């Protein structure tokens, strides 16, 4: 049984940084890709970033250059470093591994 627990969200001002964590159990984060998504109020869940099993990364256009995805195989955790946050980054952030979802973590950015 795969379980994912996101953490690290919060209320910040525009220009601040946050680091989200996605801790996995039941499956290795290095065995396949782990993806971050986000869902803003009233909108669909959208792709943010992915790290493949070989470590290849890919980002959505709106976060490219500001967000960095990484992983720690020793702790089976994937991170999302978010810099220069903008109000439009406000959303619930979810991680996904092998079609399993975490409960999400709220990020709110004020102007």
Protein backbone atom coordinates (compact mmCIF):
# COMPACT_ATOMS: atom_id res chain seq x y z
CA UNK A 1 0.00 0.00 0.00
CA UNK A 2 1.49 3.28 -1.15
CA UNK A 3 1.04 6.26 1.16
CA UNK A 4 2.11 9.82 0.45
CA UNK A 5 2.23 12.61 3.00
CA UNK A 6 2.76 16.18 1.87
CA UNK A 7 3.92 18.92 4.23
CA UNK A 8 5.58 22.32 4.24
CA UNK A 9 2.77 24.52 3.02
CA UNK A 10 1.87 27.79 4.65
CA UNK A 11 0.94 31.45 4.36
CA UNK A 12 3.68 33.61 2.86
CA UNK A 13 4.12 36.92 1.08
CA UNK A 14 4.94 37.38 -2.58
CA UNK A 15 8.66 36.87 -3.15
CA UNK A 16 9.07 34.43 -0.27
CA UNK A 17 10.12 30.81 -0.51
CA UNK A 18 8.72 27.51 0.73
CA UNK A 19 9.88 23.92 0.52
CA UNK A 20 7.26 21.24 0.23
CA UNK A 21 7.92 17.62 1.15
CA UNK A 22 6.30 14.45 -0.11
CA UNK A 23 7.24 11.50 2.06
CA UNK A 24 6.40 8.12 0.58
CA UNK A 25 5.95 4.72 2.13
CA UNK A 26 5.20 1.42 0.46
CA UNK A 27 7.12 2.28 -2.70
CA UNK A 28 10.47 3.83 -3.46
CA UNK A 29 10.45 7.36 -4.89
CA UNK A 30 13.41 6.35 -7.04
CA UNK A 31 11.57 3.43 -8.63
CA UNK A 32 9.41 5.63 -10.87
CA UNK A 33 8.41 9.20 -11.39
CA UNK A 34 6.93 11.39 -8.67
CA UNK A 35 4.84 14.32 -9.78
CA UNK A 36 3.69 17.49 -8.05
CA UNK A 37 0.34 18.97 -9.01
CA UNK A 38 -1.60 21.89 -7.67
CA UNK A 39 -5.23 22.87 -7.58
CA UNK A 40 -6.38 26.43 -7.10
CA UNK A 41 -9.90 27.20 -5.81
CA UNK A 42 -12.47 26.56 -8.51
CA UNK A 43 -9.88 25.27 -10.97
CA UNK A 44 -8.67 21.92 -12.20
CA UNK A 45 -5.64 20.14 -10.81
CA UNK A 46 -2.63 20.99 -12.99
CA UNK A 47 0.88 19.70 -13.45
CA UNK A 48 3.69 21.48 -11.63
CA UNK A 49 6.81 19.32 -11.84
CA UNK A 50 8.00 15.74 -12.14
CA UNK A 51 11.18 13.86 -11.30
CA UNK A 52 11.69 10.63 -13.18
CA UNK A 53 13.26 7.45 -11.86
CA UNK A 54 16.56 8.43 -13.49
CA UNK A 55 16.40 11.89 -11.95
CA UNK A 56 15.23 13.75 -15.03
CA UNK A 57 13.08 16.74 -14.18
CA UNK A 58 10.38 18.62 -16.03
CA UNK A 59 8.43 21.74 -15.03
CA UNK A 60 5.25 23.49 -15.94
CA UNK A 61 5.75 26.75 -17.80
CA UNK A 62 4.36 28.87 -14.98
CA UNK A 63 6.92 27.64 -12.44
CA UNK A 64 9.98 27.12 -14.64
CA UNK A 65 12.99 28.95 -13.22
CA UNK A 66 11.35 29.41 -9.80
CA UNK A 67 10.61 25.88 -8.58
CA UNK A 68 13.02 22.98 -8.20
CA UNK A 69 12.05 19.35 -7.67
CA UNK A 70 14.47 16.97 -6.00
CA UNK A 71 14.49 13.78 -3.99
CA UNK A 72 16.28 12.13 -1.11
CA UNK A 73 16.39 8.38 -1.65
CA UNK A 74 17.60 7.77 1.91
CA UNK A 75 14.41 9.25 3.41
CA UNK A 76 12.19 8.30 0.45
CA UNK A 77 11.09 11.92 0.13
CA UNK A 78 10.57 14.22 -2.83
CA UNK A 79 10.87 17.96 -2.35
CA UNK A 80 9.55 20.99 -4.18
CA UNK A 81 11.59 24.12 -3.52
CA UNK A 82 9.49 27.13 -4.44
CA UNK A 83 11.20 30.50 -4.74
CA UNK A 84 9.90 33.94 -5.66
CA UNK A 85 6.36 32.89 -4.90
CA UNK A 86 3.50 34.77 -6.51
CA UNK A 87 -0.16 35.11 -5.50
CA UNK A 88 -1.08 32.95 -8.48
CA UNK A 89 0.87 30.08 -6.88
CA UNK A 90 -1.85 29.87 -4.23
CA UNK A 91 -3.26 26.34 -4.34
CA UNK A 92 -3.35 22.99 -2.66
CA UNK A 93 -0.26 21.07 -3.70
CA UNK A 94 -0.42 17.32 -4.16
CA UNK A 95 2.18 14.70 -4.96
CA UNK A 96 1.51 11.58 -6.99
CA UNK A 97 3.35 8.28 -7.21
CA UNK A 98 2.06 5.36 -9.22
CA UNK A 99 -1.46 6.81 -9.37
CA UNK A 100 -1.55 7.35 -5.59
CA UNK A 101 -2.26 10.78 -4.11
CA UNK A 102 -1.41 12.42 -0.85
CA UNK A 103 -3.83 14.60 1.11
CA UNK A 104 -2.28 17.83 -0.14
CA UNK A 105 -0.72 20.84 1.54
CA UNK A 106 -2.08 24.37 1.28
CA UNK A 107 0.09 27.17 -0.04
CA UNK A 108 -1.23 30.71 0.20
CA UNK A 109 0.71 33.65 -1.19
CA UNK A 110 -0.40 37.18 -0.40
CA UNK A 111 0.55 40.24 -2.41
